[in-house]
Amino acid sequence: MIHFTCDRCGKEMTSSEEGRYVVKMEVLPGFDPDLIREEDLDDDPMEAVSQLIQSEAEFAAEELAEPRRQSLHFDLCSSCRRKFLSDPLGRETPHQVHFSEN
């Protein structure tokens, strides 16, 4: 039997009574088609590829290490699904602050 737990609240969802919902998110760089100019369409594509290959070698190691595209996958119970859909970015959720005991 496959074991599932809610990635938000930790509730076990192995029984068939509790609904399990999968949230898939993809984070990738934005593209603005307005940045393409008429002059860009006249450029030689092979020359542009050559310039990209040369400029890639000049990037810092930390810039290349950061992924440009990320895929995320979460399992949610029905209660957390409702909460997620009502506030997917967590703007309305109060942030908890944990103070150390001095």
PDB file of N, CA and C in Angstrom:
ATOM      1  N   MET A   1       0.851  -1.183   0.000  1.00  0.00           N
ATOM      2  CA  MET A   1       0.000   0.000   0.000  1.00  0.00           C
ATOM      3  C   MET A   1       0.891   1.239   0.000  1.00  0.00           C
ATOM      4  N   ILE A   2       0.549   2.194  -0.820  1.00  0.00           N
ATOM      5  CA  ILE A   2       1.300   3.442  -0.895  1.00  0.00           C
ATOM      6  C   ILE A   2       0.833   4.362   0.220  1.00  0.00           C
ATOM      7  N   HIS A   3       1.794   5.007   0.878  1.00  0.00           N
ATOM      8  CA  HIS A   3       1.514   5.884   2.013  1.00  0.00           C
ATOM      9  C   HIS A   3       1.545   7.338   1.540  1.00  0.00           C
ATOM     10  N   PHE A   4       0.461   8.076   1.785  1.00  0.00           N
ATOM     11  CA  PHE A   4       0.384   9.494   1.432  1.00  0.00           C
ATOM     12  C   PHE A   4       0.092  10.308   2.676  1.00  0.00           C
ATOM     13  N   THR A   5       0.748  11.443   2.800  1.00  0.00           N
ATOM     14  CA  THR A   5       0.436  12.406   3.852  1.00  0.00           C
ATOM     15  C   THR A   5       0.288  13.782   3.195  1.00  0.00           C
ATOM     16  N   CYS A   6      -0.533  14.608   3.814  1.00  0.00           N
ATOM     17  CA  CYS A   6      -0.744  15.959   3.313  1.00  0.00           C
ATOM     18  C   CYS A   6       0.541  16.765   3.517  1.00  0.00           C
ATOM     19  N   ASP A   7       1.009  17.400   2.464  1.00  0.00           N
ATOM     20  CA  ASP A   7       2.240  18.178   2.549  1.00  0.00           C
ATOM     21  C   ASP A   7       2.046  19.493   3.301  1.00  0.00           C
ATOM     22  N   ARG A   8       0.813  19.863   3.574  1.00  0.00           N
ATOM     23  CA  ARG A   8       0.549  21.108   4.297  1.00  0.00           C
ATOM     24  C   ARG A   8       0.359  20.871   5.787  1.00  0.00           C
ATOM     25  N   CYS A   9      -0.485  19.902   6.152  1.00  0.00           N
ATOM     26  CA  CYS A   9      -0.805  19.698   7.564  1.00  0.00           C
ATOM     27  C   CYS A   9      -0.233  18.397   8.136  1.00  0.00           C
ATOM     28  N   GLY A  10       0.230  17.495   7.288  1.00  0.00           N
ATOM     29  CA  GLY A  10       0.808  16.240   7.760  1.00  0.00           C
ATOM     30  C   GLY A  10      -0.185  15.124   8.004  1.00  0.00           C
ATOM     31  N   LYS A  11      -1.444  15.343   7.702  1.00  0.00           N
ATOM     32  CA  LYS A  11      -2.485  14.339   7.919  1.00  0.00           C
ATOM     33  C   LYS A  11      -2.254  13.148   6.994  1.00  0.00           C
ATOM     34  N   GLU A  12      -2.445  11.933   7.536  1.00  0.00           N
ATOM     35  CA  GLU A  12      -2.313  10.730   6.725  1.00  0.00           C
ATOM     36  C   GLU A  12      -3.505  10.598   5.798  1.00  0.00           C
ATOM     37  N   MET A  13      -3.241  10.222   4.561  1.00  0.00           N
ATOM     38  CA  MET A  13      -4.300  10.100   3.566  1.00  0.00           C
ATOM     39  C   MET A  13      -4.254   8.731   2.890  1.00  0.00           C
ATOM     40  N   THR A  14      -3.897   7.712   3.620  1.00  0.00           N
ATOM     41  CA  THR A  14      -3.795   6.382   3.017  1.00  0.00           C
ATOM     42  C   THR A  14      -5.155   5.725   2.842  1.00  0.00           C
ATOM     43  N   SER A  15      -6.149   6.125   3.636  1.00  0.00           N
ATOM     44  CA  SER A  15      -7.472   5.522   3.499  1.00  0.00           C
ATOM     45  C   SER A  15      -8.185   6.121   2.292  1.00  0.00           C
ATOM     46  N   SER A  16      -9.072   5.365   1.704  1.00  0.00           N
ATOM     47  CA  SER A  16      -9.795   5.837   0.525  1.00  0.00           C
ATOM     48  C   SER A  16     -10.913   6.817   0.888  1.00  0.00           C
ATOM     49  N   GLU A  17     -11.223   6.942   2.196  1.00  0.00           N
ATOM     50  CA  GLU A  17     -12.284   7.860   2.629  1.00  0.00           C
ATOM     51  C   GLU A  17     -11.875   9.313   2.419  1.00  0.00           C
ATOM     52  N   GLU A  18     -10.632   9.603   2.687  1.00  0.00           N
ATOM     53  CA  GLU A  18     -10.128  10.973   2.582  1.00  0.00           C
ATOM     54  C   GLU A  18      -9.670  11.240   1.155  1.00  0.00           C
ATOM     55  N   GLY A  19     -10.160  12.320   0.585  1.00  0.00           N
ATOM     56  CA  GLY A  19      -9.729  12.671  -0.762  1.00  0.00           C
ATOM     57  C   GLY A  19      -8.293  13.165  -0.757  1.00  0.00           C
ATOM     58  N   ARG A  20      -7.563  12.835  -1.790  1.00  0.00           N
ATOM     59  CA  ARG A  20      -6.188  13.307  -1.955  1.00  0.00           C
ATOM     60  C   ARG A  20      -6.138  14.125  -3.227  1.00  0.00           C
ATOM     61  N   TYR A  21      -5.569  15.312  -3.120  1.00  0.00           N
ATOM     62  CA  TYR A  21      -5.478  16.215  -4.259  1.00  0.00           C
ATOM     63  C   TYR A  21      -4.011  16.510  -4.536  1.00  0.00           C
ATOM     64  N   VAL A  22      -3.674  16.593  -5.804  1.00  0.00           N
ATOM     65  CA  VAL A  22      -2.297  16.851  -6.214  1.00  0.00           C
ATOM     66  C   VAL A  22      -2.220  18.254  -6.792  1.00  0.00           C
ATOM     67  N   VAL A  23      -1.289  19.040  -6.270  1.00  0.00           N
ATOM     68  CA  VAL A  23      -1.035  20.387  -6.783  1.00  0.00           C
ATOM     69  C   VAL A  23       0.303  20.330  -7.503  1.00  0.00           C
ATOM     70  N   LYS A  24       0.299  20.712  -8.777  1.00  0.00           N
ATOM     71  CA  LYS A  24       1.522  20.783  -9.563  1.00  0.00           C
ATOM     72  C   LYS A  24       1.739  22.239  -9.947  1.00  0.00           C
ATOM     73  N   MET A  25       2.932  22.727  -9.649  1.00  0.00           N
ATOM     74  CA  MET A  25       3.256  24.117  -9.961  1.00  0.00           C
ATOM     75  C   MET A  25       4.546  24.141 -10.758  1.00  0.00           C
ATOM     76  N   GLU A  26       4.634  25.098 -11.644  1.00  0.00           N
ATOM     77  CA  GLU A  26       5.829  25.262 -12.449  1.00  0.00           C
ATOM     78  C   GLU A  26       6.268  26.715 -12.359  1.00  0.00           C
ATOM     79  N   VAL A  27       7.536  26.918 -12.033  1.00  0.00           N
ATOM     80  CA  VAL A  27       8.090  28.256 -11.916  1.00  0.00           C
ATOM     81  C   VAL A  27       9.133  28.406 -13.016  1.00  0.00           C
ATOM     82  N   LEU A  28       8.922  29.390 -13.892  1.00  0.00           N
ATOM     83  CA  LEU A  28       9.855  29.608 -14.981  1.00  0.00           C
ATOM     84  C   LEU A  28       9.957  31.082 -15.288  1.00  0.00           C
ATOM     85  N   PRO A  29      11.021  31.485 -15.937  1.00  0.00           N
ATOM     86  CA  PRO A  29      11.190  32.911 -16.229  1.00  0.00           C
ATOM     87  C   PRO A  29      10.092  33.417 -17.148  1.00  0.00           C
ATOM     88  N   GLY A  30       9.687  34.645 -16.920  1.00  0.00           N
ATOM     89  CA  GLY A  30       8.677  35.261 -17.761  1.00  0.00           C
ATOM     90  C   GLY A  30       9.268  35.707 -19.086  1.00  0.00           C
ATOM     91  N   PHE A  31       8.427  35.834 -20.066  1.00  0.00           N
ATOM     92  CA  PHE A  31       8.847  36.274 -21.401  1.00  0.00           C
ATOM     93  C   PHE A  31       7.928  37.399 -21.843  1.00  0.00           C
ATOM     94  N   ASP A  32       8.497  38.480 -22.250  1.00  0.00           N
ATOM     95  CA  ASP A  32       7.717  39.624 -22.707  1.00  0.00           C
ATOM     96  C   ASP A  32       7.852  39.751 -24.223  1.00  0.00           C
ATOM     97  N   PRO A  33       6.822  39.375 -24.979  1.00  0.00           N
ATOM     98  CA  PRO A  33       6.935  39.444 -26.443  1.00  0.00           C
ATOM     99  C   PRO A  33       7.103  40.870 -26.960  1.00  0.00           C
ATOM    100  N   ASP A  34       6.797  41.867 -26.129  1.00  0.00           N
ATOM    101  CA  ASP A  34       6.970  43.254 -26.562  1.00  0.00           C
ATOM    102  C   ASP A  34       8.440  43.636 -26.674  1.00  0.00           C
ATOM    103  N   LEU A  35       9.331  42.811 -26.112  1.00  0.00           N
ATOM    104  CA  LEU A  35      10.753  43.116 -26.177  1.00  0.00           C
ATOM    105  C   LEU A  35      11.368  42.762 -27.527  1.00  0.00           C
ATOM    106  N   ILE A  36      10.627  42.071 -28.366  1.00  0.00           N
ATOM    107  CA  ILE A  36      11.127  41.741 -29.703  1.00  0.00           C
ATOM    108  C   ILE A  36      10.906  42.957 -30.607  1.00  0.00           C
ATOM    109  N   ARG A  37      11.987  43.398 -31.207  1.00  0.00           N
ATOM    110  CA  ARG A  37      11.908  44.559 -32.100  1.00  0.00           C
ATOM    111  C   ARG A  37      11.975  44.083 -33.545  1.00  0.00           C
ATOM    112  N   GLU A  38      11.633  44.943 -34.448  1.00  0.00           N
ATOM    113  CA  GLU A  38      11.683  44.618 -35.876  1.00  0.00           C
ATOM    114  C   GLU A  38      13.106  44.263 -36.312  1.00  0.00           C
ATOM    115  N   GLU A  39      14.081  44.950 -35.717  1.00  0.00           N
ATOM    116  CA  GLU A  39      15.483  44.676 -36.061  1.00  0.00           C
ATOM    117  C   GLU A  39      15.905  43.265 -35.645  1.00  0.00           C
ATOM    118  N   ASP A  40      15.291  42.764 -34.556  1.00  0.00           N
ATOM    119  CA  ASP A  40      15.624  41.423 -34.084  1.00  0.00           C
ATOM    120  C   ASP A  40      15.244  40.359 -35.107  1.00  0.00           C
ATOM    121  N   LEU A  41      14.198  40.598 -35.857  1.00  0.00           N
ATOM    122  CA  LEU A  41      13.746  39.625 -36.844  1.00  0.00           C
ATOM    123  C   LEU A  41      14.676  39.567 -38.051  1.00  0.00           C
ATOM    124  N   ASP A  42      15.439  40.637 -38.265  1.00  0.00           N
ATOM    125  CA  ASP A  42      16.369  40.673 -39.391  1.00  0.00           C
ATOM    126  C   ASP A  42      17.716  40.045 -39.057  1.00  0.00           C
ATOM    127  N   ASP A  43      17.994  39.807 -37.779  1.00  0.00           N
ATOM    128  CA  ASP A  43      19.283  39.261 -37.370  1.00  0.00           C
ATOM    129  C   ASP A  43      19.468  37.831 -37.848  1.00  0.00           C
ATOM    130  N   ASP A  44      20.727  37.448 -38.039  1.00  0.00           N
ATOM    131  CA  ASP A  44      21.086  36.083 -38.436  1.00  0.00           C
ATOM    132  C   ASP A  44      20.964  35.175 -37.215  1.00  0.00           C
ATOM    133  N   PRO A  45      20.091  34.164 -37.229  1.00  0.00           N
ATOM    134  CA  PRO A  45      19.909  33.307 -36.046  1.00  0.00           C
ATOM    135  C   PRO A  45      21.166  32.528 -35.680  1.00  0.00           C
ATOM    136  N   MET A  46      21.959  32.115 -36.659  1.00  0.00           N
ATOM    137  CA  MET A  46      23.180  31.363 -36.343  1.00  0.00           C
ATOM    138  C   MET A  46      24.195  32.252 -35.634  1.00  0.00           C
ATOM    139  N   GLU A  47      24.243  33.515 -36.001  1.00  0.00           N
ATOM    140  CA  GLU A  47      25.138  34.464 -35.331  1.00  0.00           C
ATOM    141  C   GLU A  47      24.683  34.669 -33.887  1.00  0.00           C
ATOM    142  N   ALA A  48      23.377  34.762 -33.684  1.00  0.00           N
ATOM    143  CA  ALA A  48      22.839  34.928 -32.330  1.00  0.00           C
ATOM    144  C   ALA A  48      23.153  33.718 -31.468  1.00  0.00           C
ATOM    145  N   VAL A  49      23.043  32.513 -32.028  1.00  0.00           N
ATOM    146  CA  VAL A  49      23.366  31.296 -31.276  1.00  0.00           C
ATOM    147  C   VAL A  49      24.836  31.296 -30.899  1.00  0.00           C
ATOM    148  N   SER A  50      25.700  31.680 -31.829  1.00  0.00           N
ATOM    149  CA  SER A  50      27.134  31.741 -31.558  1.00  0.00           C
ATOM    150  C   SER A  50      27.439  32.722 -30.424  1.00  0.00           C
ATOM    151  N   GLN A  51      26.779  33.878 -30.440  1.00  0.00           N
ATOM    152  CA  GLN A  51      26.989  34.867 -29.380  1.00  0.00           C
ATOM    153  C   GLN A  51      26.491  34.355 -28.032  1.00  0.00           C
ATOM    154  N   LEU A  52      25.355  33.625 -28.016  1.00  0.00           N
ATOM    155  CA  LEU A  52      24.846  33.065 -26.769  1.00  0.00           C
ATOM    156  C   LEU A  52      25.814  32.044 -26.184  1.00  0.00           C
ATOM    157  N   ILE A  53      26.378  31.214 -27.032  1.00  0.00           N
ATOM    158  CA  ILE A  53      27.325  30.202 -26.553  1.00  0.00           C
ATOM    159  C   ILE A  53      28.556  30.877 -25.958  1.00  0.00           C
ATOM    160  N   GLN A  54      29.027  31.927 -26.587  1.00  0.00           N
ATOM    161  CA  GLN A  54      30.198  32.636 -26.079  1.00  0.00           C
ATOM    162  C   GLN A  54      29.881  33.361 -24.767  1.00  0.00           C
ATOM    163  N   SER A  55      28.717  33.977 -24.693  1.00  0.00           N
ATOM    164  CA  SER A  55      28.374  34.724 -23.476  1.00  0.00           C
ATOM    165  C   SER A  55      28.064  33.793 -22.309  1.00  0.00           C
ATOM    166  N   GLU A  56      27.596  32.575 -22.597  1.00  0.00           N
ATOM    167  CA  GLU A  56      27.304  31.627 -21.525  1.00  0.00           C
ATOM    168  C   GLU A  56      28.569  31.258 -20.764  1.00  0.00           C
ATOM    169  N   ALA A  57      29.678  31.208 -21.443  1.00  0.00           N
ATOM    170  CA  ALA A  57      30.942  30.878 -20.794  1.00  0.00           C
ATOM    171  C   ALA A  57      31.371  31.976 -19.827  1.00  0.00           C
ATOM    172  N   GLU A  58      30.831  33.171 -19.997  1.00  0.00           N
ATOM    173  CA  GLU A  58      31.208  34.300 -19.146  1.00  0.00           C
ATOM    174  C   GLU A  58      30.356  34.424 -17.884  1.00  0.00           C
ATOM    175  N   PHE A  59      29.263  33.634 -17.772  1.00  0.00           N
ATOM    176  CA  PHE A  59      28.407  33.705 -16.590  1.00  0.00           C
ATOM    177  C   PHE A  59      29.154  33.237 -15.351  1.00  0.00           C
ATOM    178  N   ALA A  60      28.805  33.812 -14.218  1.00  0.00           N
ATOM    179  CA  ALA A  60      29.368  33.357 -12.944  1.00  0.00           C
ATOM    180  C   ALA A  60      28.797  31.985 -12.610  1.00  0.00           C
ATOM    181  N   ALA A  61      29.538  31.183 -11.863  1.00  0.00           N
ATOM    182  CA  ALA A  61      29.125  29.816 -11.526  1.00  0.00           C
ATOM    183  C   ALA A  61      27.806  29.802 -10.761  1.00  0.00           C
ATOM    184  N   GLU A  62      27.579  30.755  -9.859  1.00  0.00           N
ATOM    185  CA  GLU A  62      26.334  30.755  -9.085  1.00  0.00           C
ATOM    186  C   GLU A  62      25.123  31.087  -9.946  1.00  0.00           C
ATOM    187  N   GLU A  63      25.302  31.871 -11.002  1.00  0.00           N
ATOM    188  CA  GLU A  63      24.182  32.171 -11.888  1.00  0.00           C
ATOM    189  C   GLU A  63      23.762  30.937 -12.675  1.00  0.00           C
ATOM    190  N   LEU A  64      24.724  30.113 -13.060  1.00  0.00           N
ATOM    191  CA  LEU A  64      24.408  28.900 -13.800  1.00  0.00           C
ATOM    192  C   LEU A  64      23.832  27.825 -12.897  1.00  0.00           C
ATOM    193  N   ALA A  65      24.170  27.852 -11.601  1.00  0.00           N
ATOM    194  CA  ALA A  65      23.706  26.821 -10.670  1.00  0.00           C
ATOM    195  C   ALA A  65      22.217  26.954 -10.375  1.00  0.00           C
ATOM    196  N   GLU A  66      21.674  28.157 -10.432  1.00  0.00           N
ATOM    197  CA  GLU A  66      20.254  28.358 -10.135  1.00  0.00           C
ATOM    198  C   GLU A  66      19.400  27.883 -11.300  1.00  0.00           C
ATOM    199  N   PRO A  67      18.470  26.959 -11.029  1.00  0.00           N
ATOM    200  CA  PRO A  67      17.649  26.460 -12.135  1.00  0.00           C
ATOM    201  C   PRO A  67      16.723  27.546 -12.680  1.00  0.00           C
ATOM    202  N   ARG A  68      16.578  27.575 -13.977  1.00  0.00           N
ATOM    203  CA  ARG A  68      15.704  28.549 -14.612  1.00  0.00           C
ATOM    204  C   ARG A  68      14.250  28.083 -14.562  1.00  0.00           C
ATOM    205  N   ARG A  69      14.041  26.787 -14.437  1.00  0.00           N
ATOM    206  CA  ARG A  69      12.694  26.228 -14.427  1.00  0.00           C
ATOM    207  C   ARG A  69      12.605  25.212 -13.302  1.00  0.00           C
ATOM    208  N   GLN A  70      11.546  25.299 -12.501  1.00  0.00           N
ATOM    209  CA  GLN A  70      11.332  24.364 -11.402  1.00  0.00           C
ATOM    210  C   GLN A  70       9.918  23.827 -11.461  1.00  0.00           C
ATOM    211  N   SER A  71       9.788  22.532 -11.201  1.00  0.00           N
ATOM    212  CA  SER A  71       8.476  21.906 -11.107  1.00  0.00           C
ATOM    213  C   SER A  71       8.274  21.443  -9.672  1.00  0.00           C
ATOM    214  N   LEU A  72       7.144  21.799  -9.097  1.00  0.00           N
ATOM    215  CA  LEU A  72       6.832  21.439  -7.716  1.00  0.00           C
ATOM    216  C   LEU A  72       5.597  20.554  -7.696  1.00  0.00           C
ATOM    217  N   HIS A  73       5.538  19.650  -6.722  1.00  0.00           N
ATOM    218  CA  HIS A  73       4.447  18.672  -6.634  1.00  0.00           C
ATOM    219  C   HIS A  73       4.077  18.523  -5.162  1.00  0.00           C
ATOM    220  N   PHE A  74       2.789  18.723  -4.831  1.00  0.00           N
ATOM    221  CA  PHE A  74       2.329  18.625  -3.449  1.00  0.00           C
ATOM    222  C   PHE A  74       1.074  17.761  -3.377  1.00  0.00           C
ATOM    223  N   ASP A  75       0.950  16.966  -2.320  1.00  0.00           N
ATOM    224  CA  ASP A  75      -0.265  16.209  -2.023  1.00  0.00           C
ATOM    225  C   ASP A  75      -1.004  16.952  -0.916  1.00  0.00           C
ATOM    226  N   LEU A  76      -2.297  17.199  -1.114  1.00  0.00           N
ATOM    227  CA  LEU A  76      -3.101  17.915  -0.121  1.00  0.00           C
ATOM    228  C   LEU A  76      -4.344  17.119   0.238  1.00  0.00           C
ATOM    229  N   CYS A  77      -4.748  17.209   1.504  1.00  0.00           N
ATOM    230  CA  CYS A  77      -6.023  16.634   1.923  1.00  0.00           C
ATOM    231  C   CYS A  77      -7.127  17.588   1.482  1.00  0.00           C
ATOM    232  N   SER A  78      -8.377  17.181   1.628  1.00  0.00           N
ATOM    233  CA  SER A  78      -9.482  18.017   1.141  1.00  0.00           C
ATOM    234  C   SER A  78      -9.573  19.345   1.888  1.00  0.00           C
ATOM    235  N   SER A  79      -9.284  19.348   3.176  1.00  0.00           N
ATOM    236  CA  SER A  79      -9.332  20.587   3.946  1.00  0.00           C
ATOM    237  C   SER A  79      -8.244  21.567   3.489  1.00  0.00           C
ATOM    238  N   CYS A  80      -7.036  21.069   3.315  1.00  0.00           N
ATOM    239  CA  CYS A  80      -5.932  21.928   2.874  1.00  0.00           C
ATOM    240  C   CYS A  80      -6.113  22.363   1.423  1.00  0.00           C
ATOM    241  N   ARG A  81      -6.781  21.544   0.633  1.00  0.00           N
ATOM    242  CA  ARG A  81      -7.085  21.916  -0.749  1.00  0.00           C
ATOM    243  C   ARG A  81      -7.961  23.159  -0.769  1.00  0.00           C
ATOM    244  N   ARG A  82      -9.011  23.172   0.081  1.00  0.00           N
ATOM    245  CA  ARG A  82      -9.889  24.346   0.145  1.00  0.00           C
ATOM    246  C   ARG A  82      -9.111  25.582   0.591  1.00  0.00           C
ATOM    247  N   LYS A  83      -8.260  25.418   1.597  1.00  0.00           N
ATOM    248  CA  LYS A  83      -7.462  26.557   2.082  1.00  0.00           C
ATOM    249  C   LYS A  83      -6.507  27.048   1.000  1.00  0.00           C
ATOM    250  N   PHE A  84      -5.881  26.119   0.298  1.00  0.00           N
ATOM    251  CA  PHE A  84      -4.944  26.494  -0.763  1.00  0.00           C
ATOM    252  C   PHE A  84      -5.662  27.251  -1.882  1.00  0.00           C
ATOM    253  N   LEU A  85      -6.815  26.752  -2.312  1.00  0.00           N
ATOM    254  CA  LEU A  85      -7.541  27.402  -3.400  1.00  0.00           C
ATOM    255  C   LEU A  85      -8.073  28.776  -3.015  1.00  0.00           C
ATOM    256  N   SER A  86      -8.385  28.979  -1.746  1.00  0.00           N
ATOM    257  CA  SER A  86      -8.888  30.286  -1.321  1.00  0.00           C
ATOM    258  C   SER A  86      -7.767  31.320  -1.184  1.00  0.00           C
ATOM    259  N   ASP A  87      -6.521  30.860  -0.992  1.00  0.00           N
ATOM    260  CA  ASP A  87      -5.391  31.775  -0.822  1.00  0.00           C
ATOM    261  C   ASP A  87      -4.108  31.093  -1.309  1.00  0.00           C
ATOM    262  N   PRO A  88      -3.956  30.895  -2.619  1.00  0.00           N
ATOM    263  CA  PRO A  88      -2.829  30.113  -3.122  1.00  0.00           C
ATOM    264  C   PRO A  88      -1.453  30.710  -2.840  1.00  0.00           C
ATOM    265  N   LEU A  89      -1.345  32.024  -2.712  1.00  0.00           N
ATOM    266  CA  LEU A  89      -0.050  32.638  -2.437  1.00  0.00           C
ATOM    267  C   LEU A  89       0.194  32.884  -0.951  1.00  0.00           C
ATOM    268  N   GLY A  90      -0.760  32.533  -0.115  1.00  0.00           N
ATOM    269  CA  GLY A  90      -0.579  32.680   1.323  1.00  0.00           C
ATOM    270  C   GLY A  90      -0.593  34.120   1.797  1.00  0.00           C
ATOM    271  N   ARG A  91      -1.241  34.992   1.069  1.00  0.00           N
ATOM    272  CA  ARG A  91      -1.282  36.413   1.454  1.00  0.00           C
ATOM    273  C   ARG A  91      -2.150  36.669   2.669  1.00  0.00           C
ATOM    274  N   GLU A  92      -3.218  35.899   2.809  1.00  0.00           N
ATOM    275  CA  GLU A  92      -4.158  36.118   3.907  1.00  0.00           C
ATOM    276  C   GLU A  92      -3.769  35.343   5.160  1.00  0.00           C
ATOM    277  N   THR A  93      -2.863  34.401   5.028  1.00  0.00           N
ATOM    278  CA  THR A  93      -2.449  33.574   6.164  1.00  0.00           C
ATOM    279  C   THR A  93      -1.509  34.363   7.053  1.00  0.00           C
ATOM    280  N   PRO A  94      -1.832  34.491   8.341  1.00  0.00           N
ATOM    281  CA  PRO A  94      -0.915  35.222   9.231  1.00  0.00           C
ATOM    282  C   PRO A  94       0.384  34.432   9.401  1.00  0.00           C
ATOM    283  N   HIS A  95       1.475  35.142   9.354  1.00  0.00           N
ATOM    284  CA  HIS A  95       2.781  34.498   9.519  1.00  0.00           C
ATOM    285  C   HIS A  95       3.058  34.315  11.005  1.00  0.00           C
ATOM    286  N   GLN A  96       3.436  33.104  11.365  1.00  0.00           N
ATOM    287  CA  GLN A  96       3.721  32.808  12.760  1.00  0.00           C
ATOM    288  C   GLN A  96       5.166  33.162  13.071  1.00  0.00           C
ATOM    289  N   VAL A  97       5.349  33.833  14.182  1.00  0.00           N
ATOM    290  CA  VAL A  97       6.692  34.200  14.629  1.00  0.00           C
ATOM    291  C   VAL A  97       6.982  33.405  15.897  1.00  0.00           C
ATOM    292  N   HIS A  98       8.085  32.698  15.894  1.00  0.00           N
ATOM    293  CA  HIS A  98       8.468  31.899  17.053  1.00  0.00           C
ATOM    294  C   HIS A  98       9.647  32.578  17.745  1.00  0.00           C
ATOM    295  N   PHE A  99       9.391  32.998  19.003  1.00  0.00           N
ATOM    296  CA  PHE A  99      10.445  33.634  19.783  1.00  0.00           C
ATOM    297  C   PHE A  99      11.096  32.594  20.683  1.00  0.00           C
ATOM    298  N   SER A 100      12.396  32.722  20.866  1.00  0.00           N
ATOM    299  CA  SER A 100      13.086  31.802  21.768  1.00  0.00           C
ATOM    300  C   SER A 100      12.778  32.200  23.208  1.00  0.00           C
ATOM    301  N   GLU A 101      12.841  31.218  24.099  1.00  0.00           N
ATOM    302  CA  GLU A 101      12.601  31.486  25.512  1.00  0.00           C
ATOM    303  C   GLU A 101      13.916  31.885  26.163  1.00  0.00           C
ATOM    304  N   ASN A 102      14.000  33.170  26.542  1.00  0.00           N
ATOM    305  CA  ASN A 102      15.231  33.669  27.178  1.00  0.00           C
ATOM    306  C   ASN A 102      15.097  33.694  28.667  1.00  0.00           C
TER     307      ASN A 102
END
